[in-house]
Amino acid sequence: MPASQTGEDRTGQNAASPPTRGETEQNAAAPRAAPLPKPATAENKRARRPAGSGTRTAGKKRRGRKKKKKQYALGCRLMLAGVEAGALLGAGVLALMVTLGYAAATLSGTSLLYHRLPFALTVCGIVGAGTLLLRLWWGLRVRLNGWHVLSPPLLALTLAAAAGFLAQQPLFVPPLAQFRLLVGGKAEMQGATLRHQIFAAYRRLDREEMGRMLTRSRLYRADIEAAASAFALDPDLLMGLAAAESSFYPRDSADGGQGLFQITSVPAGAQQAAQQSLGAGALDLADQRHNTFVAAATLKSYLAQMRGNVILGLLAYNIGPENGGLRDIMKRYGATDFITIQPYLQEKPRNYPVRVLCFALAFRVQRTAGSLLPYEEELNAIRVQHIGIPGL
């Protein structure tokens, strides 16, 4: 074999042969060159970011931007709960009164099947409806409280205000009056009878004559309002008293009455109270201001005797202090109220309180409605009843 060929073969064989053990150890001991870092691109940054870290960061930012709910102190929360409960109770009581009034008016009677039993079922239905409404309110309250802690009491106050406004409307006057009869018993029945006597007297008024009386009364209204304020009386009641006594024609009468209020004999305490209110050393009943203050003090005295009963107080004013006055008459006959004393009275004093209060009602209707409403036209009867009788 030629020498040149042998050298080439050896060279090729040496180049293709694996490294020896010594060469391997040398290569392992030699330091390796570090790989060149890749350029920091946006894709590389996203690739190096741990999975889910972006979602958590965004969630933290959103939670950081969320408005924290304001926390109220315990006392404030209790106060808000009390306001809410009170408003709901007020609205519920008014609704209950109106509903029971309608039921009593519709189902009044003595029959068990057609009156008493349906009324009892109506009461059960009211209890069930109230329970259901409370459950609905609780569910609504949870939602409102999640929105704002002030929402439930504000809504409850709105409901109470709406119920109070509706209760003042003429449409709801009859059921509320019927409810008073339902729970008031005998005393309320007597009061309702007297009120309807006064309404009937108002209906029979001569409107033209009453209009002229209203015109004459303007001259004395300032003094009457001052006396009413001094003795805590209704000014329309004092106006009605003057109308019944003198028709606003101050004069001396044949029975000894003097001035606007036809003063005859004055209780000692009333005379002193009038002097003190006027700041006068002596009283002159011909002076209509003095006359008015003496009348107001006298009526106030009789109202105190009759424990605030306006009907009996007016009757005592008419009878006067002679022979012990009305109080002794009632003791003599065992009477306890206006209904039981009426049979022992003559016609004039028996009708006197109704007459005074009829005039007082006319003055109040004129002042409130702007005119004397004809009682029998349209809904005027309900409107007049809603305006109410002064003192009652």
Protein backbone atom coordinates (compact mmCIF):
# COMPACT_ATOMS: atom_id res chain seq x y z
CA MET A 1 0.00 0.00 0.00
CA PRO A 2 1.53 3.38 -0.91
CA ALA A 3 2.71 5.61 1.91
CA SER A 4 0.67 8.65 0.81
CA GLN A 5 -2.54 6.73 0.88
CA THR A 6 -1.72 5.35 4.30
CA GLY A 7 -1.19 8.88 5.66
CA GLU A 8 -4.45 10.16 4.24
CA ASP A 9 -6.32 7.19 5.65
CA ARG A 10 -4.80 7.78 9.03
CA THR A 11 -5.62 11.42 8.94
CA GLY A 12 -9.26 10.75 7.99
CA GLN A 13 -9.46 8.02 10.57
CA ASN A 14 -8.13 10.33 13.25
CA ALA A 15 -10.57 13.12 12.28
CA ALA A 16 -13.58 10.81 12.42
CA SER A 17 -12.61 8.98 15.58
CA PRO A 18 -14.29 9.99 18.92
CA PRO A 19 -12.33 12.05 21.46
CA THR A 20 -10.21 10.22 23.89
CA ARG A 21 -10.80 10.15 27.64
CA GLY A 22 -8.25 12.83 28.25
CA GLU A 23 -9.82 15.13 25.71
CA THR A 24 -13.27 14.61 27.26
CA GLU A 25 -12.02 15.55 30.71
CA GLN A 26 -10.34 18.66 29.30
CA ASN A 27 -13.52 19.73 27.53
CA ALA A 28 -15.61 19.26 30.67
CA ALA A 29 -13.18 21.28 32.74
CA ALA A 30 -13.12 24.16 30.25
CA PRO A 31 -15.73 26.93 30.96
CA ARG A 32 -18.65 27.12 28.55
CA ALA A 33 -19.55 30.38 26.93
CA ALA A 34 -22.89 31.90 28.24
CA PRO A 35 -25.64 32.24 25.63
CA LEU A 36 -26.33 35.76 24.43
CA PRO A 37 -29.50 37.27 25.99
CA LYS A 38 -32.46 37.78 23.70
CA PRO A 39 -33.68 41.33 23.11
CA ALA A 40 -36.43 42.38 25.62
CA THR A 41 -39.48 42.64 23.44
CA ALA A 42 -43.15 42.95 24.55
CA GLU A 43 -43.80 39.36 23.52
CA ASN A 44 -40.89 38.13 25.65
CA LYS A 45 -42.20 40.11 28.67
CA ARG A 46 -45.66 38.60 28.33
CA ALA A 47 -44.07 35.14 27.92
CA ARG A 48 -41.99 35.55 31.11
CA ARG A 49 -45.03 36.82 33.16
CA PRO A 50 -46.57 34.06 35.34
CA ALA A 51 -49.89 32.72 34.25
CA GLY A 52 -52.85 34.52 35.79
CA SER A 53 -50.79 37.40 37.19
CA GLY A 54 -52.38 39.92 34.78
CA THR A 55 -55.92 38.94 35.80
CA ARG A 56 -55.14 39.26 39.49
CA THR A 57 -53.52 42.65 38.97
CA ALA A 58 -56.50 43.97 37.03
CA GLY A 59 -58.87 42.59 39.67
CA LYS A 60 -56.90 44.32 42.42
CA LYS A 61 -57.08 47.60 40.50
CA ARG A 62 -60.83 47.24 40.05
CA ARG A 63 -61.28 46.41 43.73
CA GLY A 64 -59.14 49.37 44.61
CA ARG A 65 -61.33 51.68 42.53
CA LYS A 66 -64.61 50.32 44.09
CA LYS A 67 -66.20 52.78 46.53
CA LYS A 68 -66.29 51.53 50.07
CA LYS A 69 -69.74 51.44 51.75
CA LYS A 70 -70.07 53.98 54.54
CA GLN A 71 -70.38 52.44 57.98
CA TYR A 72 -72.75 54.07 60.51
CA ALA A 73 -72.45 53.91 64.26
CA LEU A 74 -74.75 51.62 66.24
CA GLY A 75 -76.74 54.49 67.70
CA CYS A 76 -77.33 55.96 64.25
CA ARG A 77 -78.48 52.60 62.88
CA LEU A 78 -80.87 52.16 65.80
CA MET A 79 -82.29 55.64 65.22
CA LEU A 80 -82.84 54.91 61.52
CA ALA A 81 -84.54 51.63 62.39
CA GLY A 82 -86.80 53.45 64.85
CA VAL A 83 -87.77 56.06 62.25
CA GLU A 84 -88.52 53.31 59.74
CA ALA A 85 -90.62 51.31 62.20
CA GLY A 86 -92.54 54.39 63.37
CA ALA A 87 -93.32 55.53 59.82
CA LEU A 88 -94.51 52.06 58.81
CA LEU A 89 -96.62 51.81 61.96
CA GLY A 90 -98.26 55.18 61.26
CA ALA A 91 -99.06 54.29 57.65
CA GLY A 92 -100.36 50.88 58.73
CA VAL A 93 -102.61 52.33 61.44
CA LEU A 94 -104.17 54.83 59.04
CA ALA A 95 -104.76 52.12 56.45
CA LEU A 96 -106.28 49.88 59.14
CA MET A 97 -108.63 52.65 60.33
CA VAL A 98 -109.87 53.38 56.81
CA THR A 99 -110.34 49.69 55.97
CA LEU A 100 -112.21 48.93 59.19
CA GLY A 101 -114.31 52.05 58.69
CA TYR A 102 -115.37 50.92 55.23
CA ALA A 103 -116.06 47.42 56.55
CA ALA A 104 -118.14 48.73 59.47
CA ALA A 105 -120.17 51.00 57.17
CA THR A 106 -120.80 48.21 54.67
CA LEU A 107 -121.41 45.34 57.09
CA SER A 108 -123.23 47.15 59.90
CA GLY A 109 -126.21 45.23 61.26
CA THR A 110 -127.25 42.54 63.72
CA SER A 111 -127.41 39.50 61.44
CA LEU A 112 -124.76 36.86 62.06
CA LEU A 113 -124.59 35.51 58.52
CA TYR A 114 -124.73 38.77 56.58
CA HIS A 115 -123.02 41.22 58.96
CA ARG A 116 -121.05 39.89 61.92
CA LEU A 117 -119.45 36.89 60.24
CA PRO A 118 -118.35 38.83 57.11
CA PHE A 119 -116.92 41.55 59.36
CA ALA A 120 -114.92 38.94 61.33
CA LEU A 121 -113.64 37.44 58.06
CA THR A 122 -112.66 40.92 56.91
CA VAL A 123 -110.59 41.39 60.07
CA CYS A 124 -108.85 38.04 59.43
CA GLY A 125 -108.16 39.11 55.85
CA ILE A 126 -106.64 42.38 57.10
CA VAL A 127 -104.30 40.45 59.42
CA GLY A 128 -103.22 38.15 56.58
CA ALA A 129 -102.68 41.04 54.19
CA GLY A 130 -100.63 42.87 56.82
CA THR A 131 -98.39 39.86 57.34
CA LEU A 132 -97.83 39.47 53.60
CA LEU A 133 -97.02 43.15 53.20
CA LEU A 134 -94.49 42.97 56.03
CA ARG A 135 -92.73 40.04 54.34
CA LEU A 136 -92.65 41.89 51.03
CA TRP A 137 -91.27 44.95 52.79
CA TRP A 138 -88.51 42.90 54.41
CA GLY A 139 -87.38 41.58 51.03
CA LEU A 140 -87.46 45.07 49.54
CA ARG A 141 -85.66 46.44 52.57
CA VAL A 142 -82.73 44.06 52.11
CA ARG A 143 -82.26 45.29 48.54
CA LEU A 144 -82.63 48.95 49.50
CA ASN A 145 -80.22 48.57 52.41
CA GLY A 146 -77.64 47.10 50.03
CA TRP A 147 -77.93 50.22 47.92
CA HIS A 148 -77.88 52.75 50.78
CA VAL A 149 -78.66 52.50 54.48
CA LEU A 150 -80.90 55.60 54.34
CA SER A 151 -83.17 54.19 51.63
CA PRO A 152 -85.55 52.10 53.81
CA PRO A 153 -86.39 54.87 56.34
CA LEU A 154 -86.81 57.45 53.57
CA LEU A 155 -89.22 55.19 51.69
CA ALA A 156 -91.12 54.44 54.92
CA LEU A 157 -91.44 58.18 55.66
CA THR A 158 -92.72 58.74 52.13
CA LEU A 159 -95.39 56.07 52.61
CA ALA A 160 -96.43 57.57 55.95
CA ALA A 161 -96.67 61.07 54.46
CA ALA A 162 -98.76 59.78 51.56
CA ALA A 163 -101.09 57.94 53.95
CA GLY A 164 -101.48 61.06 56.11
CA PHE A 165 -102.24 63.20 53.06
CA LEU A 166 -104.86 60.76 51.78
CA ALA A 167 -106.46 60.53 55.21
CA GLN A 168 -107.09 64.29 55.07
CA GLN A 169 -108.99 64.09 51.79
CA PRO A 170 -112.81 64.38 51.85
CA LEU A 171 -113.18 60.92 50.33
CA PHE A 172 -111.85 59.28 53.50
CA VAL A 173 -113.84 61.37 56.00
CA PRO A 174 -116.87 58.98 56.13
CA PRO A 175 -114.86 55.78 56.79
CA LEU A 176 -112.79 57.50 59.47
CA ALA A 177 -115.97 58.80 61.11
CA GLN A 178 -117.41 55.28 60.97
CA PHE A 179 -114.24 53.93 62.59
CA ARG A 180 -114.66 56.43 65.45
CA LEU A 181 -118.18 55.15 65.95
CA LEU A 182 -116.89 51.58 65.89
CA VAL A 183 -114.38 52.09 68.70
CA GLY A 184 -115.89 55.09 70.52
CA GLY A 185 -119.01 53.39 71.78
CA LYS A 186 -121.82 55.37 73.43
CA ALA A 187 -119.88 58.62 73.89
CA GLU A 188 -118.88 58.76 70.24
CA MET A 189 -122.44 57.97 69.18
CA GLN A 190 -123.72 60.92 71.21
CA GLY A 191 -121.06 63.18 69.73
CA ALA A 192 -121.96 62.07 66.20
CA THR A 193 -125.63 62.85 66.89
CA LEU A 194 -124.75 66.38 68.07
CA ARG A 195 -122.45 66.98 65.12
CA HIS A 196 -125.19 66.06 62.68
CA GLN A 197 -127.58 68.41 64.49
CA ILE A 198 -125.06 71.20 63.92
CA PHE A 199 -124.56 70.24 60.26
CA ALA A 200 -128.34 70.23 59.77
CA ALA A 201 -128.58 73.70 61.37
CA TYR A 202 -125.84 74.92 59.02
CA ARG A 203 -127.77 73.53 56.05
CA ARG A 204 -130.86 75.53 57.10
CA LEU A 205 -128.98 78.84 57.46
CA ASP A 206 -130.22 81.83 55.50
CA ARG A 207 -127.13 82.43 53.38
CA GLU A 208 -128.00 86.04 52.55
CA GLU A 209 -128.52 86.99 56.20
CA MET A 210 -125.39 85.07 57.17
CA GLY A 211 -123.45 86.95 54.51
CA ARG A 212 -124.53 90.29 56.01
CA MET A 213 -123.54 89.06 59.47
CA LEU A 214 -120.13 88.09 58.15
CA THR A 215 -119.71 91.61 56.79
CA ARG A 216 -120.64 93.20 60.15
CA SER A 217 -118.29 90.91 62.02
CA ARG A 218 -115.18 92.28 60.31
CA LEU A 219 -115.25 95.34 62.57
CA TYR A 220 -114.80 93.17 65.68
CA ARG A 221 -112.66 90.33 64.40
CA ALA A 222 -109.32 91.79 65.55
CA ASP A 223 -110.53 92.14 69.16
CA ILE A 224 -112.09 88.68 69.10
CA GLU A 225 -108.88 87.09 67.79
CA ALA A 226 -106.86 88.92 70.47
CA ALA A 227 -109.19 87.69 73.24
CA ALA A 228 -109.15 84.15 71.83
CA SER A 229 -105.36 84.15 71.83
CA ALA A 230 -105.23 85.51 75.40
CA PHE A 231 -107.47 82.73 76.75
CA ALA A 232 -106.46 79.88 74.39
CA LEU A 233 -109.85 79.65 72.66
CA ASP A 234 -110.80 79.01 69.06
CA PRO A 235 -111.50 82.42 67.45
CA ASP A 236 -114.26 80.94 65.27
CA LEU A 237 -115.95 79.68 68.44
CA LEU A 238 -115.92 83.21 69.89
CA MET A 239 -117.24 84.57 66.58
CA GLY A 240 -120.11 82.09 66.73
CA LEU A 241 -120.84 83.10 70.33
CA ALA A 242 -121.06 86.79 69.38
CA ALA A 243 -123.29 85.94 66.40
CA ALA A 244 -125.69 83.97 68.63
CA GLU A 245 -125.76 86.68 71.32
CA SER A 246 -126.05 89.92 69.33
CA SER A 247 -125.77 89.17 65.58
CA PHE A 248 -122.92 91.72 65.77
CA TYR A 249 -125.29 94.51 66.81
CA PRO A 250 -123.80 95.59 70.18
CA ARG A 251 -126.62 96.90 72.38
CA ASP A 252 -128.23 96.65 75.79
CA SER A 253 -131.08 94.16 75.88
CA ALA A 254 -134.25 94.02 77.99
CA ASP A 255 -132.97 91.10 80.07
CA GLY A 256 -129.90 93.04 81.19
CA GLY A 257 -127.40 91.83 78.59
CA GLN A 258 -124.73 94.33 77.53
CA GLY A 259 -122.72 94.78 74.37
CA LEU A 260 -121.45 92.42 71.73
CA PHE A 261 -121.61 89.31 73.93
CA GLN A 262 -124.67 90.31 75.98
CA ILE A 263 -122.79 90.11 79.29
CA THR A 264 -125.10 89.89 82.31
CA SER A 265 -123.37 88.60 85.45
CA VAL A 266 -119.70 87.71 85.39
CA PRO A 267 -117.95 85.18 87.68
CA ALA A 268 -115.42 86.91 89.92
CA GLY A 269 -112.48 84.90 88.64
CA ALA A 270 -113.35 85.69 85.00
CA GLN A 271 -113.56 89.41 85.75
CA GLN A 272 -110.10 89.43 87.33
CA ALA A 273 -108.64 87.42 84.42
CA ALA A 274 -110.08 89.88 81.90
CA GLN A 275 -108.67 92.86 83.81
CA GLN A 276 -105.24 91.23 83.94
CA SER A 277 -105.23 90.43 80.21
CA LEU A 278 -106.37 93.94 79.28
CA GLY A 279 -104.12 95.64 81.80
CA ALA A 280 -107.08 97.79 82.85
CA GLY A 281 -107.95 98.88 86.36
CA ALA A 282 -111.68 98.84 85.69
CA LEU A 283 -113.85 97.15 83.08
CA ASP A 284 -116.30 99.00 80.86
CA LEU A 285 -118.72 96.59 79.21
CA ALA A 286 -119.79 99.35 76.79
CA ASP A 287 -116.26 99.18 75.38
CA GLN A 288 -116.52 96.28 72.92
CA ARG A 289 -112.90 95.26 73.45
CA HIS A 290 -113.52 94.98 77.19
CA ASN A 291 -116.79 93.20 76.46
CA THR A 292 -114.99 90.68 74.28
CA PHE A 293 -112.28 89.90 76.83
CA VAL A 294 -114.84 89.46 79.60
CA ALA A 295 -116.82 87.04 77.40
CA ALA A 296 -113.69 85.04 76.58
CA ALA A 297 -112.69 84.86 80.26
CA THR A 298 -116.23 83.80 81.22
CA LEU A 299 -116.40 81.04 78.59
CA LYS A 300 -112.95 79.81 79.62
CA SER A 301 -114.13 79.61 83.22
CA TYR A 302 -117.20 77.56 82.32
CA LEU A 303 -115.15 75.25 80.09
CA ALA A 304 -112.87 74.55 83.06
CA GLN A 305 -115.93 73.71 85.17
CA MET A 306 -117.20 71.28 82.53
CA ARG A 307 -113.77 69.65 82.00
CA GLY A 308 -113.35 71.01 78.50
CA ASN A 309 -116.75 69.88 77.18
CA VAL A 310 -117.62 72.62 74.67
CA ILE A 311 -121.35 71.80 74.52
CA LEU A 312 -121.76 71.96 78.30
CA GLY A 313 -119.50 75.01 78.54
CA LEU A 314 -121.69 76.94 76.09
CA LEU A 315 -124.81 75.80 77.91
CA ALA A 316 -123.33 77.02 81.21
CA TYR A 317 -122.50 80.37 79.59
CA ASN A 318 -126.14 80.73 78.51
CA ILE A 319 -127.60 79.74 81.89
CA GLY A 320 -125.18 81.90 83.88
CA PRO A 321 -124.14 81.62 87.52
CA GLU A 322 -127.62 82.09 89.00
CA ASN A 323 -128.76 79.38 91.45
CA GLY A 324 -125.43 77.59 91.19
CA GLY A 325 -125.43 77.45 87.40
CA LEU A 326 -125.45 74.38 85.19
CA ARG A 327 -123.24 72.32 87.48
CA ASP A 328 -125.80 72.36 90.29
CA ILE A 329 -128.65 71.63 87.87
CA MET A 330 -126.87 68.52 86.59
CA LYS A 331 -126.20 67.33 90.13
CA ARG A 332 -129.85 67.85 91.05
CA TYR A 333 -131.14 65.68 88.21
CA GLY A 334 -128.27 63.19 88.05
CA ALA A 335 -127.34 64.20 84.49
CA THR A 336 -123.83 63.47 83.24
CA ASP A 337 -123.77 64.93 79.72
CA PHE A 338 -125.71 67.07 77.26
CA ILE A 339 -127.92 64.18 76.15
CA THR A 340 -129.13 63.42 79.68
CA ILE A 341 -129.61 67.09 80.68
CA GLN A 342 -131.62 68.04 77.57
CA PRO A 343 -135.01 66.75 78.82
CA TYR A 344 -134.75 69.07 81.87
CA LEU A 345 -134.02 72.21 79.83
CA GLN A 346 -136.36 74.65 78.17
CA GLU A 347 -136.25 74.92 74.39
CA LYS A 348 -134.07 78.05 74.19
CA PRO A 349 -131.14 76.84 76.32
CA ARG A 350 -131.47 73.34 74.84
CA ASN A 351 -130.88 74.70 71.33
CA TYR A 352 -128.31 77.31 72.35
CA PRO A 353 -125.08 75.24 71.98
CA VAL A 354 -126.17 73.93 68.55
CA ARG A 355 -126.95 77.49 67.43
CA VAL A 356 -123.57 78.85 68.58
CA LEU A 357 -121.63 76.03 66.97
CA CYS A 358 -123.64 76.34 63.75
CA PHE A 359 -122.54 79.99 63.45
CA ALA A 360 -118.97 79.04 64.40
CA LEU A 361 -118.98 76.42 61.65
CA ALA A 362 -120.19 79.03 59.14
CA PHE A 363 -117.32 81.36 60.08
CA ARG A 364 -114.80 78.56 59.73
CA VAL A 365 -116.20 77.44 56.35
CA GLN A 366 -116.09 81.03 55.10
CA ARG A 367 -112.50 81.46 56.26
CA THR A 368 -111.32 78.07 54.96
CA ALA A 369 -113.24 77.66 51.68
CA GLY A 370 -113.65 81.37 50.85
CA SER A 371 -117.46 81.18 50.77
CA LEU A 372 -120.44 79.58 52.52
CA LEU A 373 -120.65 76.20 50.83
CA PRO A 374 -124.23 75.04 50.10
CA TYR A 375 -124.40 71.89 52.19
CA GLU A 376 -126.71 69.94 49.88
CA GLU A 377 -124.79 70.53 46.62
CA GLU A 378 -122.38 67.95 45.18
CA LEU A 379 -119.74 66.90 47.74
CA ASN A 380 -120.13 69.97 49.93
CA ALA A 381 -121.55 67.95 52.82
CA ILE A 382 -118.36 65.89 52.97
CA ARG A 383 -116.23 69.03 52.59
CA VAL A 384 -118.02 70.81 55.43
CA GLN A 385 -117.72 67.75 57.68
CA HIS A 386 -114.04 67.56 56.81
CA ILE A 387 -113.53 71.24 57.75
CA GLY A 388 -114.94 70.40 61.15
CA ILE A 389 -116.85 72.17 63.89
CA PRO A 390 -114.78 74.59 66.04
CA GLY A 391 -114.27 73.19 69.50
CA LEU A 392 -115.37 69.64 68.63
